[in-house]
Amino acid sequence: MGDDGDCECRPLGFLIGLPFALLALILSLVGAVIWVLGSILSCLCPCCICCTGLANLAVSLVKLPIRILRWFIHQIPC
């Protein structure tokens, strides 16, 4: 309980965000499959510039559960 307002332990935000993070985990698995397919396609045909955008979308889907949990944790005050 410092005066600086920097609190790292916010279990309520974690618990509230957990169901949403689990849903995002399913989306991240889909993103991982898309990323693998996009990587294979870009290796087979390097002229496909759309595969790069697809791979970037897939990487953002893979990072989604962590981003959702961090957002919920930062929404709850100490």
PDB file of N, CA and C in Angstrom:
ATOM      1  N   MET A   1       0.829  -1.181   0.000  1.00  0.00           N
ATOM      2  CA  MET A   1       0.000   0.000   0.000  1.00  0.00           C
ATOM      3  C   MET A   1       0.872   1.242   0.000  1.00  0.00           C
ATOM      4  N   GLY A   2       1.545   1.483  -1.106  1.00  0.00           N
ATOM      5  CA  GLY A   2       2.388   2.664  -1.222  1.00  0.00           C
ATOM      6  C   GLY A   2       1.598   3.837  -1.758  1.00  0.00           C
ATOM      7  N   ASP A   3       2.220   5.000  -1.654  1.00  0.00           N
ATOM      8  CA  ASP A   3       1.570   6.203  -2.137  1.00  0.00           C
ATOM      9  C   ASP A   3       1.753   6.414  -3.631  1.00  0.00           C
ATOM     10  N   ASP A   4       2.600   5.597  -4.263  1.00  0.00           N
ATOM     11  CA  ASP A   4       2.862   5.799  -5.680  1.00  0.00           C
ATOM     12  C   ASP A   4       1.748   5.262  -6.573  1.00  0.00           C
ATOM     13  N   GLY A   5       0.824   4.491  -6.044  1.00  0.00           N
ATOM     14  CA  GLY A   5      -0.307   3.990  -6.815  1.00  0.00           C
ATOM     15  C   GLY A   5       0.044   2.857  -7.756  1.00  0.00           C
ATOM     16  N   ASP A   6       1.219   2.285  -7.615  1.00  0.00           N
ATOM     17  CA  ASP A   6       1.664   1.209  -8.497  1.00  0.00           C
ATOM     18  C   ASP A   6       1.376  -0.122  -7.819  1.00  0.00           C
ATOM     19  N   CYS A   7       0.225  -0.686  -8.100  1.00  0.00           N
ATOM     20  CA  CYS A   7      -0.190  -1.943  -7.468  1.00  0.00           C
ATOM     21  C   CYS A   7      -0.205  -3.035  -8.519  1.00  0.00           C
ATOM     22  N   GLU A   8       0.554  -4.078  -8.322  1.00  0.00           N
ATOM     23  CA  GLU A   8       0.639  -5.160  -9.302  1.00  0.00           C
ATOM     24  C   GLU A   8      -0.298  -6.324  -8.974  1.00  0.00           C
ATOM     25  N   CYS A   9      -0.799  -6.400  -7.760  1.00  0.00           N
ATOM     26  CA  CYS A   9      -1.633  -7.526  -7.348  1.00  0.00           C
ATOM     27  C   CYS A   9      -3.099  -7.126  -7.421  1.00  0.00           C
ATOM     28  N   ARG A  10      -3.769  -7.533  -8.488  1.00  0.00           N
ATOM     29  CA  ARG A  10      -5.188  -7.212  -8.674  1.00  0.00           C
ATOM     30  C   ARG A  10      -5.932  -8.496  -9.013  1.00  0.00           C
ATOM     31  N   PRO A  11      -6.199  -9.330  -8.017  1.00  0.00           N
ATOM     32  CA  PRO A  11      -6.823 -10.627  -8.308  1.00  0.00           C
ATOM     33  C   PRO A  11      -8.247 -10.506  -8.845  1.00  0.00           C
ATOM     34  N   LEU A  12      -8.971  -9.468  -8.476  1.00  0.00           N
ATOM     35  CA  LEU A  12     -10.345  -9.328  -8.957  1.00  0.00           C
ATOM     36  C   LEU A  12     -10.373  -9.095 -10.464  1.00  0.00           C
ATOM     37  N   GLY A  13      -9.484  -8.261 -10.952  1.00  0.00           N
ATOM     38  CA  GLY A  13      -9.401  -8.031 -12.397  1.00  0.00           C
ATOM     39  C   GLY A  13      -9.014  -9.291 -13.143  1.00  0.00           C
ATOM     40  N   PHE A  14      -8.115 -10.071 -12.537  1.00  0.00           N
ATOM     41  CA  PHE A  14      -7.706 -11.340 -13.144  1.00  0.00           C
ATOM     42  C   PHE A  14      -8.879 -12.305 -13.217  1.00  0.00           C
ATOM     43  N   LEU A  15      -9.643 -12.415 -12.131  1.00  0.00           N
ATOM     44  CA  LEU A  15     -10.776 -13.351 -12.090  1.00  0.00           C
ATOM     45  C   LEU A  15     -11.896 -12.933 -13.040  1.00  0.00           C
ATOM     46  N   ILE A  16     -12.134 -11.633 -13.145  1.00  0.00           N
ATOM     47  CA  ILE A  16     -13.179 -11.169 -14.054  1.00  0.00           C
ATOM     48  C   ILE A  16     -12.757 -11.391 -15.505  1.00  0.00           C
ATOM     49  N   GLY A  17     -11.489 -11.184 -15.804  1.00  0.00           N
ATOM     50  CA  GLY A  17     -11.005 -11.327 -17.167  1.00  0.00           C
ATOM     51  C   GLY A  17     -10.744 -12.751 -17.597  1.00  0.00           C
ATOM     52  N   LEU A  18     -10.714 -13.694 -16.660  1.00  0.00           N
ATOM     53  CA  LEU A  18     -10.376 -15.075 -16.976  1.00  0.00           C
ATOM     54  C   LEU A  18     -11.309 -15.727 -17.997  1.00  0.00           C
ATOM     55  N   PRO A  19     -12.640 -15.615 -17.882  1.00  0.00           N
ATOM     56  CA  PRO A  19     -13.498 -16.237 -18.912  1.00  0.00           C
ATOM     57  C   PRO A  19     -13.269 -15.653 -20.303  1.00  0.00           C
ATOM     58  N   PHE A  20     -13.034 -14.337 -20.368  1.00  0.00           N
ATOM     59  CA  PHE A  20     -12.777 -13.708 -21.655  1.00  0.00           C
ATOM     60  C   PHE A  20     -11.433 -14.146 -22.214  1.00  0.00           C
ATOM     61  N   ALA A  21     -10.459 -14.337 -21.332  1.00  0.00           N
ATOM     62  CA  ALA A  21      -9.147 -14.799 -21.777  1.00  0.00           C
ATOM     63  C   ALA A  21      -9.229 -16.244 -22.275  1.00  0.00           C
ATOM     64  N   LEU A  22     -10.076 -17.061 -21.660  1.00  0.00           N
ATOM     65  CA  LEU A  22     -10.230 -18.436 -22.141  1.00  0.00           C
ATOM     66  C   LEU A  22     -10.872 -18.461 -23.526  1.00  0.00           C
ATOM     67  N   LEU A  23     -11.828 -17.577 -23.747  1.00  0.00           N
ATOM     68  CA  LEU A  23     -12.422 -17.459 -25.074  1.00  0.00           C
ATOM     69  C   LEU A  23     -11.382 -16.969 -26.081  1.00  0.00           C
ATOM     70  N   ALA A  24     -10.567 -16.029 -25.656  1.00  0.00           N
ATOM     71  CA  ALA A  24      -9.509 -15.529 -26.527  1.00  0.00           C
ATOM     72  C   ALA A  24      -8.447 -16.590 -26.781  1.00  0.00           C
ATOM     73  N   LEU A  25      -8.287 -17.517 -25.840  1.00  0.00           N
ATOM     74  CA  LEU A  25      -7.336 -18.608 -26.035  1.00  0.00           C
ATOM     75  C   LEU A  25      -7.761 -19.485 -27.209  1.00  0.00           C
ATOM     76  N   ILE A  26      -9.055 -19.711 -27.335  1.00  0.00           N
ATOM     77  CA  ILE A  26      -9.563 -20.478 -28.477  1.00  0.00           C
ATOM     78  C   ILE A  26      -9.261 -19.730 -29.775  1.00  0.00           C
ATOM     79  N   LEU A  27      -9.482 -18.414 -29.760  1.00  0.00           N
ATOM     80  CA  LEU A  27      -9.161 -17.614 -30.940  1.00  0.00           C
ATOM     81  C   LEU A  27      -7.662 -17.629 -31.230  1.00  0.00           C
ATOM     82  N   SER A  28      -6.848 -17.686 -30.175  1.00  0.00           N
ATOM     83  CA  SER A  28      -5.403 -17.711 -30.407  1.00  0.00           C
ATOM     84  C   SER A  28      -4.969 -19.036 -31.029  1.00  0.00           C
ATOM     85  N   LEU A  29      -5.660 -20.118 -30.702  1.00  0.00           N
ATOM     86  CA  LEU A  29      -5.353 -21.393 -31.351  1.00  0.00           C
ATOM     87  C   LEU A  29      -5.690 -21.324 -32.839  1.00  0.00           C
ATOM     88  N   VAL A  30      -6.806 -20.674 -33.161  1.00  0.00           N
ATOM     89  CA  VAL A  30      -7.161 -20.464 -34.565  1.00  0.00           C
ATOM     90  C   VAL A  30      -6.097 -19.593 -35.230  1.00  0.00           C
ATOM     91  N   GLY A  31      -5.638 -18.568 -34.511  1.00  0.00           N
ATOM     92  CA  GLY A  31      -4.590 -17.702 -35.034  1.00  0.00           C
ATOM     93  C   GLY A  31      -3.289 -18.453 -35.274  1.00  0.00           C
ATOM     94  N   ALA A  32      -2.964 -19.396 -34.399  1.00  0.00           N
ATOM     95  CA  ALA A  32      -1.746 -20.188 -34.582  1.00  0.00           C
ATOM     96  C   ALA A  32      -1.842 -21.055 -35.837  1.00  0.00           C
ATOM     97  N   VAL A  33      -3.017 -21.632 -36.082  1.00  0.00           N
ATOM     98  CA  VAL A  33      -3.217 -22.441 -37.287  1.00  0.00           C
ATOM     99  C   VAL A  33      -3.107 -21.557 -38.538  1.00  0.00           C
ATOM    100  N   ILE A  34      -3.721 -20.370 -38.481  1.00  0.00           N
ATOM    101  CA  ILE A  34      -3.632 -19.443 -39.613  1.00  0.00           C
ATOM    102  C   ILE A  34      -2.192 -19.028 -39.847  1.00  0.00           C
ATOM    103  N   TRP A  35      -1.450 -18.789 -38.757  1.00  0.00           N
ATOM    104  CA  TRP A  35      -0.052 -18.385 -38.875  1.00  0.00           C
ATOM    105  C   TRP A  35       0.784 -19.472 -39.544  1.00  0.00           C
ATOM    106  N   VAL A  36       0.560 -20.728 -39.145  1.00  0.00           N
ATOM    107  CA  VAL A  36       1.304 -21.836 -39.744  1.00  0.00           C
ATOM    108  C   VAL A  36       0.963 -21.959 -41.227  1.00  0.00           C
ATOM    109  N   LEU A  37      -0.317 -21.889 -41.553  1.00  0.00           N
ATOM    110  CA  LEU A  37      -0.722 -21.976 -42.963  1.00  0.00           C
ATOM    111  C   LEU A  37      -0.175 -20.800 -43.775  1.00  0.00           C
ATOM    112  N   GLY A  38      -0.205 -19.602 -43.191  1.00  0.00           N
ATOM    113  CA  GLY A  38       0.339 -18.439 -43.883  1.00  0.00           C
ATOM    114  C   GLY A  38       1.840 -18.537 -44.086  1.00  0.00           C
ATOM    115  N   SER A  39       2.536 -19.101 -43.109  1.00  0.00           N
ATOM    116  CA  SER A  39       3.983 -19.284 -43.242  1.00  0.00           C
ATOM    117  C   SER A  39       4.301 -20.288 -44.345  1.00  0.00           C
ATOM    118  N   ILE A  40       3.530 -21.353 -44.412  1.00  0.00           N
ATOM    119  CA  ILE A  40       3.743 -22.356 -45.464  1.00  0.00           C
ATOM    120  C   ILE A  40       3.466 -21.754 -46.832  1.00  0.00           C
ATOM    121  N   LEU A  41       2.369 -20.984 -46.939  1.00  0.00           N
ATOM    122  CA  LEU A  41       2.040 -20.355 -48.216  1.00  0.00           C
ATOM    123  C   LEU A  41       3.088 -19.333 -48.638  1.00  0.00           C
ATOM    124  N   SER A  42       3.614 -18.578 -47.681  1.00  0.00           N
ATOM    125  CA  SER A  42       4.627 -17.584 -48.046  1.00  0.00           C
ATOM    126  C   SER A  42       5.935 -18.248 -48.442  1.00  0.00           C
ATOM    127  N   CYS A  43       6.215 -19.442 -47.921  1.00  0.00           N
ATOM    128  CA  CYS A  43       7.411 -20.172 -48.346  1.00  0.00           C
ATOM    129  C   CYS A  43       7.224 -20.762 -49.742  1.00  0.00           C
ATOM    130  N   LEU A  44       6.020 -21.210 -50.030  1.00  0.00           N
ATOM    131  CA  LEU A  44       5.756 -21.800 -51.337  1.00  0.00           C
ATOM    132  C   LEU A  44       5.674 -20.742 -52.439  1.00  0.00           C
ATOM    133  N   CYS A  45       5.079 -19.625 -52.102  1.00  0.00           N
ATOM    134  CA  CYS A  45       4.903 -18.566 -53.100  1.00  0.00           C
ATOM    135  C   CYS A  45       5.255 -17.227 -52.458  1.00  0.00           C
ATOM    136  N   PRO A  46       6.517 -16.813 -52.516  1.00  0.00           N
ATOM    137  CA  PRO A  46       6.927 -15.564 -51.857  1.00  0.00           C
ATOM    138  C   PRO A  46       6.297 -14.314 -52.465  1.00  0.00           C
ATOM    139  N   CYS A  47       5.699 -14.423 -53.618  1.00  0.00           N
ATOM    140  CA  CYS A  47       5.075 -13.249 -54.232  1.00  0.00           C
ATOM    141  C   CYS A  47       3.729 -12.908 -53.597  1.00  0.00           C
ATOM    142  N   CYS A  48       3.193 -13.783 -52.750  1.00  0.00           N
ATOM    143  CA  CYS A  48       1.899 -13.529 -52.100  1.00  0.00           C
ATOM    144  C   CYS A  48       2.107 -12.563 -50.936  1.00  0.00           C
ATOM    145  N   ILE A  49       1.859 -11.296 -51.170  1.00  0.00           N
ATOM    146  CA  ILE A  49       2.023 -10.290 -50.118  1.00  0.00           C
ATOM    147  C   ILE A  49       0.884 -10.366 -49.105  1.00  0.00           C
ATOM    148  N   CYS A  50      -0.247 -10.946 -49.491  1.00  0.00           N
ATOM    149  CA  CYS A  50      -1.387 -11.047 -48.573  1.00  0.00           C
ATOM    150  C   CYS A  50      -1.091 -12.010 -47.429  1.00  0.00           C
ATOM    151  N   CYS A  51      -0.181 -12.932 -47.628  1.00  0.00           N
ATOM    152  CA  CYS A  51       0.168 -13.877 -46.567  1.00  0.00           C
ATOM    153  C   CYS A  51       0.853 -13.172 -45.404  1.00  0.00           C
ATOM    154  N   THR A  52       1.549 -12.075 -45.699  1.00  0.00           N
ATOM    155  CA  THR A  52       2.193 -11.310 -44.631  1.00  0.00           C
ATOM    156  C   THR A  52       1.146 -10.673 -43.726  1.00  0.00           C
ATOM    157  N   GLY A  53       0.124 -10.084 -44.332  1.00  0.00           N
ATOM    158  CA  GLY A  53      -0.964  -9.506 -43.540  1.00  0.00           C
ATOM    159  C   GLY A  53      -1.711 -10.561 -42.746  1.00  0.00           C
ATOM    160  N   LEU A  54      -1.881 -11.715 -43.349  1.00  0.00           N
ATOM    161  CA  LEU A  54      -2.547 -12.821 -42.671  1.00  0.00           C
ATOM    162  C   LEU A  54      -1.719 -13.296 -41.480  1.00  0.00           C
ATOM    163  N   ALA A  55      -0.408 -13.349 -41.647  1.00  0.00           N
ATOM    164  CA  ALA A  55       0.468 -13.762 -40.552  1.00  0.00           C
ATOM    165  C   ALA A  55       0.441 -12.733 -39.427  1.00  0.00           C
ATOM    166  N   ASN A  56       0.405 -11.445 -39.751  1.00  0.00           N
ATOM    167  CA  ASN A  56       0.322 -10.412 -38.714  1.00  0.00           C
ATOM    168  C   ASN A  56      -0.990 -10.501 -37.943  1.00  0.00           C
ATOM    169  N   LEU A  57      -2.075 -10.775 -38.642  1.00  0.00           N
ATOM    170  CA  LEU A  57      -3.370 -10.963 -37.982  1.00  0.00           C
ATOM    171  C   LEU A  57      -3.327 -12.168 -37.054  1.00  0.00           C
ATOM    172  N   ALA A  58      -2.698 -13.236 -37.507  1.00  0.00           N
ATOM    173  CA  ALA A  58      -2.615 -14.448 -36.697  1.00  0.00           C
ATOM    174  C   ALA A  58      -1.779 -14.210 -35.444  1.00  0.00           C
ATOM    175  N   VAL A  59      -0.693 -13.458 -35.559  1.00  0.00           N
ATOM    176  CA  VAL A  59       0.142 -13.170 -34.391  1.00  0.00           C
ATOM    177  C   VAL A  59      -0.631 -12.323 -33.386  1.00  0.00           C
ATOM    178  N   SER A  60      -1.416 -11.368 -33.860  1.00  0.00           N
ATOM    179  CA  SER A  60      -2.215 -10.564 -32.934  1.00  0.00           C
ATOM    180  C   SER A  60      -3.289 -11.411 -32.254  1.00  0.00           C
ATOM    181  N   LEU A  61      -3.824 -12.417 -32.957  1.00  0.00           N
ATOM    182  CA  LEU A  61      -4.785 -13.333 -32.325  1.00  0.00           C
ATOM    183  C   LEU A  61      -4.114 -14.186 -31.258  1.00  0.00           C
ATOM    184  N   VAL A  62      -2.871 -14.572 -31.492  1.00  0.00           N
ATOM    185  CA  VAL A  62      -2.153 -15.391 -30.515  1.00  0.00           C
ATOM    186  C   VAL A  62      -1.878 -14.575 -29.247  1.00  0.00           C
ATOM    187  N   LYS A  63      -1.621 -13.284 -29.382  1.00  0.00           N
ATOM    188  CA  LYS A  63      -1.331 -12.421 -28.228  1.00  0.00           C
ATOM    189  C   LYS A  63      -2.591 -11.948 -27.514  1.00  0.00           C
ATOM    190  N   LEU A  64      -3.754 -12.212 -28.066  1.00  0.00           N
ATOM    191  CA  LEU A  64      -5.012 -11.687 -27.546  1.00  0.00           C
ATOM    192  C   LEU A  64      -5.316 -12.069 -26.091  1.00  0.00           C
ATOM    193  N   PRO A  65      -5.142 -13.326 -25.639  1.00  0.00           N
ATOM    194  CA  PRO A  65      -5.484 -13.640 -24.245  1.00  0.00           C
ATOM    195  C   PRO A  65      -4.698 -12.817 -23.226  1.00  0.00           C
ATOM    196  N   ILE A  66      -3.418 -12.597 -23.488  1.00  0.00           N
ATOM    197  CA  ILE A  66      -2.598 -11.818 -22.558  1.00  0.00           C
ATOM    198  C   ILE A  66      -3.047 -10.362 -22.551  1.00  0.00           C
ATOM    199  N   ARG A  67      -3.354  -9.827 -23.721  1.00  0.00           N
ATOM    200  CA  ARG A  67      -3.807  -8.439 -23.791  1.00  0.00           C
ATOM    201  C   ARG A  67      -5.134  -8.254 -23.061  1.00  0.00           C
ATOM    202  N   ILE A  68      -6.028  -9.226 -23.165  1.00  0.00           N
ATOM    203  CA  ILE A  68      -7.329  -9.127 -22.489  1.00  0.00           C
ATOM    204  C   ILE A  68      -7.151  -9.180 -20.979  1.00  0.00           C
ATOM    205  N   LEU A  69      -6.332 -10.102 -20.494  1.00  0.00           N
ATOM    206  CA  LEU A  69      -6.104 -10.177 -19.046  1.00  0.00           C
ATOM    207  C   LEU A  69      -5.465  -8.897 -18.525  1.00  0.00           C
ATOM    208  N   ARG A  70      -4.489  -8.367 -19.229  1.00  0.00           N
ATOM    209  CA  ARG A  70      -3.850  -7.119 -18.786  1.00  0.00           C
ATOM    210  C   ARG A  70      -4.852  -5.975 -18.769  1.00  0.00           C
ATOM    211  N   TRP A  71      -5.743  -5.923 -19.759  1.00  0.00           N
ATOM    212  CA  TRP A  71      -6.731  -4.850 -19.799  1.00  0.00           C
ATOM    213  C   TRP A  71      -7.655  -4.923 -18.598  1.00  0.00           C
ATOM    214  N   PHE A  72      -8.166  -6.128 -18.292  1.00  0.00           N
ATOM    215  CA  PHE A  72      -9.064  -6.285 -17.141  1.00  0.00           C
ATOM    216  C   PHE A  72      -8.342  -5.978 -15.840  1.00  0.00           C
ATOM    217  N   ILE A  73      -7.091  -6.396 -15.714  1.00  0.00           N
ATOM    218  CA  ILE A  73      -6.340  -6.163 -14.485  1.00  0.00           C
ATOM    219  C   ILE A  73      -6.131  -4.670 -14.280  1.00  0.00           C
ATOM    220  N   HIS A  74      -5.868  -3.925 -15.335  1.00  0.00           N
ATOM    221  CA  HIS A  74      -5.632  -2.497 -15.200  1.00  0.00           C
ATOM    222  C   HIS A  74      -6.919  -1.697 -15.002  1.00  0.00           C
ATOM    223  N   GLN A  75      -8.074  -2.293 -15.259  1.00  0.00           N
ATOM    224  CA  GLN A  75      -9.341  -1.600 -15.062  1.00  0.00           C
ATOM    225  C   GLN A  75      -9.776  -1.596 -13.596  1.00  0.00           C
ATOM    226  N   ILE A  76      -9.305  -2.571 -12.828  1.00  0.00           N
ATOM    227  CA  ILE A  76      -9.697  -2.678 -11.416  1.00  0.00           C
ATOM    228  C   ILE A  76      -8.695  -1.942 -10.560  1.00  0.00           C
ATOM    229  N   PRO A  77      -9.133  -0.971  -9.755  1.00  0.00           N
ATOM    230  CA  PRO A  77      -8.191  -0.275  -8.868  1.00  0.00           C
ATOM    231  C   PRO A  77      -7.748  -1.185  -7.730  1.00  0.00           C
ATOM    232  N   CYS A  78      -6.670  -0.814  -7.093  1.00  0.00           N
ATOM    233  CA  CYS A  78      -6.120  -1.619  -5.983  1.00  0.00           C
ATOM    234  C   CYS A  78      -7.056  -1.673  -4.812  1.00  0.00           C
TER     235      CYS A  78
END
